[in-house]
Amino acid sequence: MNELQMYELSAQALGWKTKVVNFVRTNIVFYQRDVSPKPDWQEWDPLKNDGQALLLMRELRLSVWPRDDAMWRAVPSDAPMVSDIAGVSENLNRAIVECAAMMQEAKCLQT
């Protein structure tokens, strides 16, 4: 899964509508929380925005802890030890975003 897919899937895991805008040599993911007549699109960058990463952790009820090998592990709180869904990274935000994206991907595969 590439970074762009992680961004999109993690925002969708929160139930948000997403769109990708291509700027010069980069793609930016925007999200929309509310479907009012005047939609408020905001940039989604949870790898760099700690507040957005913590929002994912809180809303999706993720458990996060450091491992002995200086890596972070993020998993769904309902099954932290048996889950195949886990984000593992040296970067805390990346572990959270990976886990959220994997949860959404698994949800999409079930439907």
N, C-alpha and C. Protein backbone atom coordinates (compact mmCIF):
# COMPACT_ATOMS: atom_id res chain seq x y z
N MET A 1 0.85 -1.16 0.00
CA MET A 1 0.00 0.00 0.00
C MET A 1 0.91 1.24 0.00
N ASN A 2 0.65 2.15 -0.93
CA ASN A 2 1.47 3.36 -0.97
C ASN A 2 0.91 4.44 -0.04
N GLU A 3 1.67 5.52 0.11
CA GLU A 3 1.29 6.58 1.04
C GLU A 3 -0.04 7.24 0.68
N LEU A 4 -0.26 7.46 -0.60
CA LEU A 4 -1.51 8.08 -1.05
C LEU A 4 -2.71 7.20 -0.68
N GLN A 5 -2.59 5.90 -0.89
CA GLN A 5 -3.66 4.98 -0.52
C GLN A 5 -3.88 4.97 0.99
N MET A 6 -2.79 5.04 1.76
CA MET A 6 -2.92 5.09 3.22
C MET A 6 -3.69 6.34 3.65
N TYR A 7 -3.38 7.47 3.03
CA TYR A 7 -4.06 8.72 3.37
C TYR A 7 -5.55 8.60 3.07
N GLU A 8 -5.87 8.15 1.87
CA GLU A 8 -7.29 8.04 1.49
C GLU A 8 -8.05 7.07 2.38
N LEU A 9 -7.50 5.89 2.58
CA LEU A 9 -8.19 4.87 3.37
C LEU A 9 -8.34 5.28 4.83
N SER A 10 -7.33 5.96 5.38
CA SER A 10 -7.43 6.36 6.79
C SER A 10 -8.52 7.41 6.98
N ALA A 11 -8.66 8.34 6.05
CA ALA A 11 -9.74 9.34 6.14
C ALA A 11 -11.10 8.66 5.95
N GLN A 12 -11.17 7.72 5.04
CA GLN A 12 -12.42 7.00 4.80
C GLN A 12 -12.80 6.14 6.00
N ALA A 13 -11.81 5.69 6.77
CA ALA A 13 -12.09 4.90 7.97
C ALA A 13 -12.86 5.72 9.00
N LEU A 14 -12.73 7.04 8.92
CA LEU A 14 -13.48 7.93 9.81
C LEU A 14 -14.85 8.26 9.22
N GLY A 15 -15.14 7.70 8.05
CA GLY A 15 -16.43 7.95 7.41
C GLY A 15 -16.45 9.23 6.59
N TRP A 16 -15.29 9.75 6.26
CA TRP A 16 -15.21 11.01 5.52
C TRP A 16 -15.08 10.77 4.03
N LYS A 17 -15.60 11.69 3.27
CA LYS A 17 -15.44 11.70 1.82
C LYS A 17 -14.04 12.25 1.52
N THR A 18 -13.38 11.69 0.51
CA THR A 18 -12.03 12.16 0.18
C THR A 18 -11.93 12.51 -1.30
N LYS A 19 -10.95 13.34 -1.60
CA LYS A 19 -10.61 13.60 -3.00
C LYS A 19 -9.12 13.87 -3.07
N VAL A 20 -8.52 13.48 -4.18
CA VAL A 20 -7.09 13.68 -4.40
C VAL A 20 -6.92 14.79 -5.42
N VAL A 21 -6.07 15.74 -5.09
CA VAL A 21 -5.79 16.85 -5.99
C VAL A 21 -4.32 16.74 -6.38
N ASN A 22 -4.07 16.75 -7.67
CA ASN A 22 -2.70 16.64 -8.17
C ASN A 22 -2.11 18.03 -8.37
N PHE A 23 -1.09 18.33 -7.57
CA PHE A 23 -0.33 19.56 -7.75
C PHE A 23 0.98 19.18 -8.41
N VAL A 24 1.82 20.13 -8.67
CA VAL A 24 3.09 19.87 -9.34
C VAL A 24 3.87 18.80 -8.58
N ARG A 25 4.03 17.65 -9.21
CA ARG A 25 4.80 16.51 -8.71
C ARG A 25 4.36 15.97 -7.36
N THR A 26 3.15 16.26 -6.94
CA THR A 26 2.67 15.70 -5.68
C THR A 26 1.15 15.59 -5.68
N ASN A 27 0.65 14.66 -4.94
CA ASN A 27 -0.80 14.51 -4.75
C ASN A 27 -1.12 14.89 -3.32
N ILE A 28 -2.21 15.60 -3.15
CA ILE A 28 -2.66 15.98 -1.81
C ILE A 28 -4.06 15.43 -1.61
N VAL A 29 -4.29 14.81 -0.47
CA VAL A 29 -5.60 14.26 -0.15
C VAL A 29 -6.35 15.30 0.70
N PHE A 30 -7.58 15.55 0.32
CA PHE A 30 -8.45 16.43 1.08
C PHE A 30 -9.61 15.60 1.61
N TYR A 31 -10.15 16.01 2.74
CA TYR A 31 -11.30 15.31 3.31
C TYR A 31 -12.43 16.28 3.57
N GLN A 32 -13.61 15.72 3.65
CA GLN A 32 -14.81 16.51 3.94
C GLN A 32 -15.59 15.77 5.01
N ARG A 33 -15.77 16.42 6.16
CA ARG A 33 -16.49 15.80 7.27
C ARG A 33 -17.99 15.89 7.06
N ASP A 34 -18.43 16.97 6.48
CA ASP A 34 -19.84 17.32 6.48
C ASP A 34 -20.28 17.52 5.04
N VAL A 35 -21.45 17.10 4.71
CA VAL A 35 -21.93 17.20 3.33
C VAL A 35 -22.95 18.34 3.21
N SER A 36 -22.64 19.46 3.81
CA SER A 36 -23.52 20.62 3.73
C SER A 36 -23.50 21.20 2.32
N PRO A 37 -24.40 22.14 2.01
CA PRO A 37 -24.41 22.73 0.67
C PRO A 37 -23.07 23.39 0.28
N LYS A 38 -22.33 23.88 1.26
CA LYS A 38 -21.01 24.45 1.00
C LYS A 38 -19.96 23.57 1.68
N PRO A 39 -19.49 22.54 1.00
CA PRO A 39 -18.56 21.61 1.65
C PRO A 39 -17.25 22.29 2.03
N ASP A 40 -16.75 21.91 3.18
CA ASP A 40 -15.51 22.45 3.69
C ASP A 40 -14.41 21.40 3.52
N TRP A 41 -13.66 21.48 2.45
CA TRP A 41 -12.58 20.52 2.19
C TRP A 41 -11.34 20.98 2.93
N GLN A 42 -10.69 20.05 3.63
CA GLN A 42 -9.48 20.36 4.37
C GLN A 42 -8.41 19.35 4.02
N GLU A 43 -7.15 19.79 4.11
CA GLU A 43 -6.05 18.89 3.79
C GLU A 43 -5.92 17.81 4.86
N TRP A 44 -5.68 16.59 4.41
CA TRP A 44 -5.52 15.43 5.29
C TRP A 44 -4.07 14.99 5.22
N ASP A 45 -3.33 15.17 6.30
CA ASP A 45 -1.91 14.82 6.33
C ASP A 45 -1.53 14.27 7.71
N PRO A 46 -2.11 13.14 8.10
CA PRO A 46 -1.88 12.62 9.45
C PRO A 46 -0.46 12.12 9.71
N LEU A 47 0.34 11.95 8.67
CA LEU A 47 1.73 11.55 8.92
C LEU A 47 2.53 12.72 9.49
N LYS A 48 2.13 13.93 9.16
CA LYS A 48 2.83 15.12 9.66
C LYS A 48 2.02 15.87 10.72
N ASN A 49 0.72 15.67 10.75
CA ASN A 49 -0.15 16.39 11.67
C ASN A 49 -0.50 15.48 12.85
N ASP A 50 0.11 15.74 13.99
CA ASP A 50 -0.10 14.90 15.17
C ASP A 50 -1.56 14.88 15.61
N GLY A 51 -2.24 16.01 15.49
CA GLY A 51 -3.65 16.08 15.88
C GLY A 51 -4.51 15.14 15.06
N GLN A 52 -4.24 15.07 13.75
CA GLN A 52 -5.01 14.17 12.89
C GLN A 52 -4.70 12.71 13.22
N ALA A 53 -3.43 12.41 13.51
CA ALA A 53 -3.07 11.03 13.87
C ALA A 53 -3.74 10.63 15.19
N LEU A 54 -3.76 11.54 16.15
CA LEU A 54 -4.41 11.24 17.43
C LEU A 54 -5.92 11.12 17.27
N LEU A 55 -6.50 11.88 16.35
CA LEU A 55 -7.92 11.75 16.06
C LEU A 55 -8.23 10.34 15.54
N LEU A 56 -7.39 9.84 14.64
CA LEU A 56 -7.55 8.46 14.15
C LEU A 56 -7.49 7.48 15.31
N MET A 57 -6.49 7.66 16.17
CA MET A 57 -6.30 6.74 17.29
C MET A 57 -7.52 6.75 18.21
N ARG A 58 -8.04 7.93 18.50
CA ARG A 58 -9.18 8.04 19.41
C ARG A 58 -10.47 7.50 18.78
N GLU A 59 -10.78 7.96 17.56
CA GLU A 59 -12.05 7.60 16.93
C GLU A 59 -12.11 6.13 16.54
N LEU A 60 -10.98 5.56 16.16
CA LEU A 60 -10.97 4.15 15.75
C LEU A 60 -10.60 3.22 16.91
N ARG A 61 -10.36 3.82 18.07
CA ARG A 61 -10.04 3.07 19.29
C ARG A 61 -8.84 2.14 19.07
N LEU A 62 -7.73 2.75 18.69
CA LEU A 62 -6.51 1.99 18.47
C LEU A 62 -5.68 1.94 19.74
N SER A 63 -5.02 0.83 19.95
CA SER A 63 -4.04 0.70 21.03
C SER A 63 -2.67 0.86 20.40
N VAL A 64 -1.84 1.63 21.06
CA VAL A 64 -0.50 1.91 20.52
C VAL A 64 0.52 1.72 21.64
N TRP A 65 1.62 1.04 21.32
CA TRP A 65 2.68 0.90 22.30
C TRP A 65 4.02 0.75 21.61
N PRO A 66 5.11 1.11 22.33
CA PRO A 66 6.45 0.93 21.76
C PRO A 66 6.88 -0.53 21.91
N ARG A 67 7.62 -0.99 20.92
CA ARG A 67 8.16 -2.35 21.00
C ARG A 67 9.61 -2.27 21.46
N ASP A 68 10.20 -3.40 21.73
CA ASP A 68 11.59 -3.45 22.19
C ASP A 68 12.59 -3.04 21.11
N ASP A 69 12.19 -3.14 19.85
CA ASP A 69 13.11 -2.84 18.75
C ASP A 69 12.99 -1.40 18.24
N ALA A 70 12.54 -0.48 19.10
CA ALA A 70 12.39 0.95 18.79
C ALA A 70 11.35 1.21 17.71
N MET A 71 10.40 0.31 17.57
CA MET A 71 9.30 0.48 16.63
C MET A 71 8.01 0.69 17.43
N TRP A 72 7.04 1.35 16.78
CA TRP A 72 5.71 1.53 17.37
C TRP A 72 4.76 0.51 16.74
N ARG A 73 3.80 0.05 17.51
CA ARG A 73 2.79 -0.89 17.01
C ARG A 73 1.41 -0.31 17.33
N ALA A 74 0.55 -0.21 16.32
CA ALA A 74 -0.82 0.26 16.49
C ALA A 74 -1.76 -0.84 16.01
N VAL A 75 -2.74 -1.17 16.84
CA VAL A 75 -3.70 -2.23 16.52
C VAL A 75 -5.09 -1.83 17.01
N PRO A 76 -6.14 -2.44 16.46
CA PRO A 76 -7.49 -2.18 16.98
C PRO A 76 -7.56 -2.63 18.44
N SER A 77 -8.16 -1.82 19.29
CA SER A 77 -8.21 -2.13 20.73
C SER A 77 -9.02 -3.38 21.06
N ASP A 78 -9.94 -3.76 20.19
CA ASP A 78 -10.80 -4.91 20.50
C ASP A 78 -10.06 -6.24 20.40
N ALA A 79 -8.95 -6.30 19.71
CA ALA A 79 -8.19 -7.55 19.60
C ALA A 79 -6.71 -7.27 19.41
N PRO A 80 -6.05 -6.62 20.38
CA PRO A 80 -4.68 -6.17 20.16
C PRO A 80 -3.64 -7.27 19.95
N MET A 81 -3.84 -8.44 20.53
CA MET A 81 -2.81 -9.48 20.44
C MET A 81 -3.05 -10.47 19.30
N VAL A 82 -4.28 -10.57 18.82
CA VAL A 82 -4.58 -11.57 17.81
C VAL A 82 -4.89 -10.97 16.44
N SER A 83 -4.84 -9.68 16.33
CA SER A 83 -5.24 -9.03 15.09
C SER A 83 -4.17 -9.15 14.01
N ASP A 84 -4.62 -9.44 12.79
CA ASP A 84 -3.73 -9.41 11.63
C ASP A 84 -3.54 -7.96 11.17
N ILE A 85 -4.38 -7.08 11.68
CA ILE A 85 -4.32 -5.67 11.31
C ILE A 85 -3.42 -4.97 12.32
N ALA A 86 -2.27 -4.51 11.84
CA ALA A 86 -1.33 -3.82 12.73
C ALA A 86 -0.45 -2.89 11.91
N GLY A 87 -0.29 -1.68 12.41
CA GLY A 87 0.66 -0.76 11.82
C GLY A 87 1.93 -0.79 12.64
N VAL A 88 3.06 -0.99 11.99
CA VAL A 88 4.34 -1.06 12.70
C VAL A 88 5.31 -0.14 11.98
N SER A 89 5.91 0.78 12.74
CA SER A 89 6.84 1.73 12.14
C SER A 89 7.70 2.37 13.22
N GLU A 90 8.83 2.93 12.82
CA GLU A 90 9.65 3.73 13.72
C GLU A 90 8.94 5.05 14.04
N ASN A 91 8.03 5.47 13.15
CA ASN A 91 7.30 6.72 13.31
C ASN A 91 5.91 6.41 13.87
N LEU A 92 5.58 7.01 15.00
CA LEU A 92 4.30 6.76 15.66
C LEU A 92 3.12 7.06 14.75
N ASN A 93 3.13 8.22 14.09
CA ASN A 93 2.01 8.58 13.22
C ASN A 93 1.84 7.59 12.09
N ARG A 94 2.94 7.13 11.51
CA ARG A 94 2.85 6.16 10.41
C ARG A 94 2.22 4.85 10.89
N ALA A 95 2.58 4.40 12.07
CA ALA A 95 1.99 3.17 12.60
C ALA A 95 0.48 3.33 12.76
N ILE A 96 0.04 4.48 13.24
CA ILE A 96 -1.39 4.75 13.42
C ILE A 96 -2.12 4.79 12.08
N VAL A 97 -1.54 5.52 11.11
CA VAL A 97 -2.17 5.66 9.79
C VAL A 97 -2.21 4.31 9.07
N GLU A 98 -1.15 3.54 9.16
CA GLU A 98 -1.13 2.20 8.54
C GLU A 98 -2.24 1.33 9.11
N CYS A 99 -2.39 1.33 10.42
CA CYS A 99 -3.42 0.51 11.05
C CYS A 99 -4.81 0.96 10.61
N ALA A 100 -5.05 2.27 10.60
CA ALA A 100 -6.36 2.79 10.18
C ALA A 100 -6.66 2.41 8.73
N ALA A 101 -5.66 2.53 7.87
CA ALA A 101 -5.85 2.18 6.46
C ALA A 101 -6.12 0.69 6.30
N MET A 102 -5.41 -0.13 7.06
CA MET A 102 -5.64 -1.58 6.99
C MET A 102 -7.04 -1.95 7.48
N MET A 103 -7.51 -1.25 8.51
CA MET A 103 -8.87 -1.50 9.01
C MET A 103 -9.90 -1.17 7.94
N GLN A 104 -9.72 -0.04 7.25
CA GLN A 104 -10.66 0.36 6.21
C GLN A 104 -10.59 -0.59 5.02
N GLU A 105 -9.39 -0.99 4.66
CA GLU A 105 -9.21 -1.93 3.55
C GLU A 105 -9.92 -3.25 3.85
N ALA A 106 -9.77 -3.74 5.07
CA ALA A 106 -10.44 -5.00 5.47
C ALA A 106 -11.95 -4.82 5.46
N LYS A 107 -12.41 -3.67 5.88
CA LYS A 107 -13.85 -3.38 5.88
C LYS A 107 -14.40 -3.38 4.45
N CYS A 108 -13.64 -2.79 3.52
CA CYS A 108 -14.06 -2.74 2.12
C CYS A 108 -14.08 -4.14 1.50
N LEU A 109 -13.15 -5.00 1.90
CA LEU A 109 -13.10 -6.36 1.37
C LEU A 109 -14.27 -7.19 1.86
N GLN A 110 -14.81 -6.86 3.03
CA GLN A 110 -15.92 -7.62 3.59
C GLN A 110 -17.24 -7.31 2.89
N THR A 111 -17.33 -6.12 2.29
CA THR A 111 -18.61 -5.74 1.66
C THR A 111 -18.65 -6.10 0.19
